[in-house]
Amino acid sequence: MSGILNRVEKFKTVILDFQGVSLIGQGFGDEIFRVFANRNPQIKLIPVNVNEDILRSIKAAIAG
C-alpha cells in the first residue's frame, strides 16, 4: 500500500484513476478512503473512472 500513497501527502488534491480496475478489496478501500483520508483531511481524494462495485467499496470505507 505504501507505494500507492508514496509522497501523496505533498499534494492538496489527488486523483485516483480506476480505469481498467473492476473491483477493489475491502482493505484497500478502507486504508485509502477512511484511514488515510482521516489522517490527512487537508488532502482531497478524487476517485475517477469507478464502476458500481468500486463506488460501493469506497462508500463502505467512508462509512466505516
N, C-alpha and C. Protein backbone atom coordinates (compact mmCIF):
# COMPACT_ATOMS: atom_id res chain seq x y z
N MET A 1 0.82 -1.20 0.00
CA MET A 1 0.00 0.00 0.00
C MET A 1 0.86 1.25 0.00
N SER A 2 1.99 1.20 0.65
CA SER A 2 2.81 2.40 0.77
C SER A 2 3.24 2.94 -0.60
N GLY A 3 3.40 2.07 -1.60
CA GLY A 3 3.79 2.53 -2.92
C GLY A 3 2.74 3.40 -3.57
N ILE A 4 1.48 3.07 -3.36
CA ILE A 4 0.39 3.85 -3.95
C ILE A 4 0.30 5.23 -3.33
N LEU A 5 0.50 5.30 -2.02
CA LEU A 5 0.36 6.56 -1.30
C LEU A 5 1.69 7.27 -1.08
N ASN A 6 2.75 6.77 -1.69
CA ASN A 6 4.07 7.36 -1.54
C ASN A 6 4.08 8.81 -2.01
N ARG A 7 4.39 9.72 -1.15
CA ARG A 7 4.50 11.16 -1.40
C ARG A 7 3.17 11.85 -1.69
N VAL A 8 2.07 11.17 -1.51
CA VAL A 8 0.76 11.77 -1.76
C VAL A 8 0.51 12.95 -0.84
N GLU A 9 1.08 12.90 0.38
CA GLU A 9 0.85 13.97 1.34
C GLU A 9 1.43 15.32 0.89
N LYS A 10 2.20 15.35 -0.18
CA LYS A 10 2.76 16.59 -0.71
C LYS A 10 1.76 17.36 -1.57
N PHE A 11 0.60 16.77 -1.85
CA PHE A 11 -0.39 17.38 -2.73
C PHE A 11 -1.65 17.76 -1.96
N LYS A 12 -2.40 18.71 -2.51
CA LYS A 12 -3.67 19.11 -1.91
C LYS A 12 -4.84 18.33 -2.50
N THR A 13 -4.69 17.91 -3.75
CA THR A 13 -5.71 17.14 -4.44
C THR A 13 -5.05 15.95 -5.11
N VAL A 14 -5.66 14.77 -4.94
CA VAL A 14 -5.13 13.55 -5.54
C VAL A 14 -6.24 12.88 -6.33
N ILE A 15 -5.98 12.66 -7.61
CA ILE A 15 -6.94 11.97 -8.47
C ILE A 15 -6.52 10.51 -8.56
N LEU A 16 -7.42 9.63 -8.15
CA LEU A 16 -7.17 8.19 -8.20
C LEU A 16 -7.96 7.62 -9.37
N ASP A 17 -7.27 7.22 -10.42
CA ASP A 17 -7.91 6.75 -11.64
C ASP A 17 -8.04 5.23 -11.60
N PHE A 18 -9.28 4.76 -11.62
CA PHE A 18 -9.57 3.33 -11.55
C PHE A 18 -9.89 2.72 -12.92
N GLN A 19 -9.49 3.39 -13.99
CA GLN A 19 -9.73 2.86 -15.33
C GLN A 19 -9.06 1.48 -15.45
N GLY A 20 -9.81 0.51 -15.91
CA GLY A 20 -9.30 -0.83 -16.08
C GLY A 20 -9.34 -1.69 -14.82
N VAL A 21 -9.83 -1.12 -13.74
CA VAL A 21 -9.94 -1.84 -12.47
C VAL A 21 -11.39 -2.24 -12.28
N SER A 22 -11.64 -3.53 -12.07
CA SER A 22 -13.02 -3.98 -11.96
C SER A 22 -13.54 -3.97 -10.52
N LEU A 23 -12.64 -4.15 -9.55
CA LEU A 23 -13.05 -4.08 -8.15
C LEU A 23 -11.83 -3.85 -7.27
N ILE A 24 -12.10 -3.40 -6.04
CA ILE A 24 -11.01 -3.20 -5.08
C ILE A 24 -11.36 -3.98 -3.81
N GLY A 25 -10.34 -4.40 -3.10
CA GLY A 25 -10.55 -5.13 -1.86
C GLY A 25 -10.99 -4.20 -0.74
N GLN A 26 -11.63 -4.77 0.25
CA GLN A 26 -12.12 -4.01 1.39
C GLN A 26 -10.96 -3.30 2.10
N GLY A 27 -9.85 -3.98 2.30
CA GLY A 27 -8.70 -3.40 2.97
C GLY A 27 -8.11 -2.22 2.21
N PHE A 28 -8.04 -2.35 0.89
CA PHE A 28 -7.52 -1.27 0.05
C PHE A 28 -8.39 -0.04 0.19
N GLY A 29 -9.70 -0.22 0.03
CA GLY A 29 -10.62 0.91 0.13
C GLY A 29 -10.58 1.55 1.50
N ASP A 30 -10.55 0.73 2.53
CA ASP A 30 -10.52 1.23 3.90
C ASP A 30 -9.25 2.02 4.17
N GLU A 31 -8.11 1.51 3.75
CA GLU A 31 -6.83 2.18 4.00
C GLU A 31 -6.75 3.55 3.33
N ILE A 32 -7.26 3.65 2.13
CA ILE A 32 -7.18 4.93 1.41
C ILE A 32 -8.31 5.88 1.80
N PHE A 33 -9.55 5.40 1.70
CA PHE A 33 -10.69 6.31 1.82
C PHE A 33 -11.19 6.52 3.24
N ARG A 34 -10.68 5.76 4.20
CA ARG A 34 -11.03 6.02 5.60
C ARG A 34 -9.80 6.40 6.41
N VAL A 35 -8.83 5.47 6.49
CA VAL A 35 -7.64 5.70 7.32
C VAL A 35 -6.82 6.88 6.81
N PHE A 36 -6.38 6.80 5.56
CA PHE A 36 -5.56 7.88 5.00
C PHE A 36 -6.32 9.20 4.97
N ALA A 37 -7.57 9.15 4.53
CA ALA A 37 -8.38 10.37 4.44
C ALA A 37 -8.58 11.01 5.82
N ASN A 38 -8.79 10.21 6.85
CA ASN A 38 -8.97 10.75 8.19
C ASN A 38 -7.68 11.34 8.76
N ARG A 39 -6.56 10.75 8.40
CA ARG A 39 -5.26 11.25 8.87
C ARG A 39 -4.80 12.48 8.09
N ASN A 40 -5.37 12.67 6.92
CA ASN A 40 -4.95 13.77 6.04
C ASN A 40 -6.15 14.55 5.51
N PRO A 41 -6.92 15.18 6.39
CA PRO A 41 -8.14 15.86 5.95
C PRO A 41 -7.89 17.03 5.00
N GLN A 42 -6.67 17.51 4.95
CA GLN A 42 -6.33 18.61 4.06
C GLN A 42 -6.15 18.16 2.61
N ILE A 43 -6.10 16.85 2.39
CA ILE A 43 -5.92 16.31 1.04
C ILE A 43 -7.26 15.82 0.50
N LYS A 44 -7.62 16.32 -0.67
CA LYS A 44 -8.87 15.91 -1.31
C LYS A 44 -8.59 14.73 -2.23
N LEU A 45 -9.26 13.62 -1.96
CA LEU A 45 -9.13 12.42 -2.80
C LEU A 45 -10.29 12.38 -3.79
N ILE A 46 -9.96 12.29 -5.07
CA ILE A 46 -10.98 12.27 -6.11
C ILE A 46 -10.85 10.98 -6.91
N PRO A 47 -11.74 10.02 -6.67
CA PRO A 47 -11.71 8.80 -7.48
C PRO A 47 -12.43 9.04 -8.82
N VAL A 48 -11.82 8.60 -9.91
CA VAL A 48 -12.43 8.74 -11.23
C VAL A 48 -12.46 7.38 -11.92
N ASN A 49 -13.31 7.25 -12.91
CA ASN A 49 -13.47 6.02 -13.69
C ASN A 49 -13.79 4.82 -12.79
N VAL A 50 -14.72 5.06 -11.87
CA VAL A 50 -15.13 3.98 -10.96
C VAL A 50 -16.41 3.32 -11.47
N ASN A 51 -16.49 2.01 -11.32
CA ASN A 51 -17.72 1.31 -11.65
C ASN A 51 -18.56 1.19 -10.38
N GLU A 52 -19.69 0.56 -10.47
CA GLU A 52 -20.61 0.46 -9.31
C GLU A 52 -19.98 -0.31 -8.15
N ASP A 53 -19.24 -1.38 -8.45
CA ASP A 53 -18.61 -2.17 -7.39
C ASP A 53 -17.57 -1.36 -6.63
N ILE A 54 -16.75 -0.63 -7.35
CA ILE A 54 -15.73 0.21 -6.71
C ILE A 54 -16.39 1.33 -5.92
N LEU A 55 -17.40 1.95 -6.49
CA LEU A 55 -18.11 3.02 -5.79
C LEU A 55 -18.71 2.50 -4.48
N ARG A 56 -19.29 1.33 -4.52
CA ARG A 56 -19.87 0.72 -3.32
C ARG A 56 -18.77 0.47 -2.27
N SER A 57 -17.62 0.00 -2.69
CA SER A 57 -16.48 -0.23 -1.77
C SER A 57 -15.99 1.07 -1.16
N ILE A 58 -15.92 2.11 -1.96
CA ILE A 58 -15.48 3.42 -1.47
C ILE A 58 -16.47 3.95 -0.44
N LYS A 59 -17.75 3.86 -0.75
CA LYS A 59 -18.79 4.35 0.17
C LYS A 59 -18.76 3.56 1.48
N ALA A 60 -18.55 2.26 1.41
CA ALA A 60 -18.47 1.44 2.62
C ALA A 60 -17.27 1.83 3.47
N ALA A 61 -16.15 2.10 2.83
CA ALA A 61 -14.94 2.51 3.55
C ALA A 61 -15.15 3.85 4.24
N ILE A 62 -15.76 4.79 3.54
CA ILE A 62 -16.00 6.11 4.12
C ILE A 62 -16.95 6.00 5.31
N ALA A 63 -17.94 5.14 5.18
CA ALA A 63 -18.92 4.97 6.27
C ALA A 63 -18.30 4.27 7.48
N GLY A 64 -17.18 3.58 7.28
CA GLY A 64 -16.50 2.90 8.37
C GLY A 64 -17.08 1.59 8.63
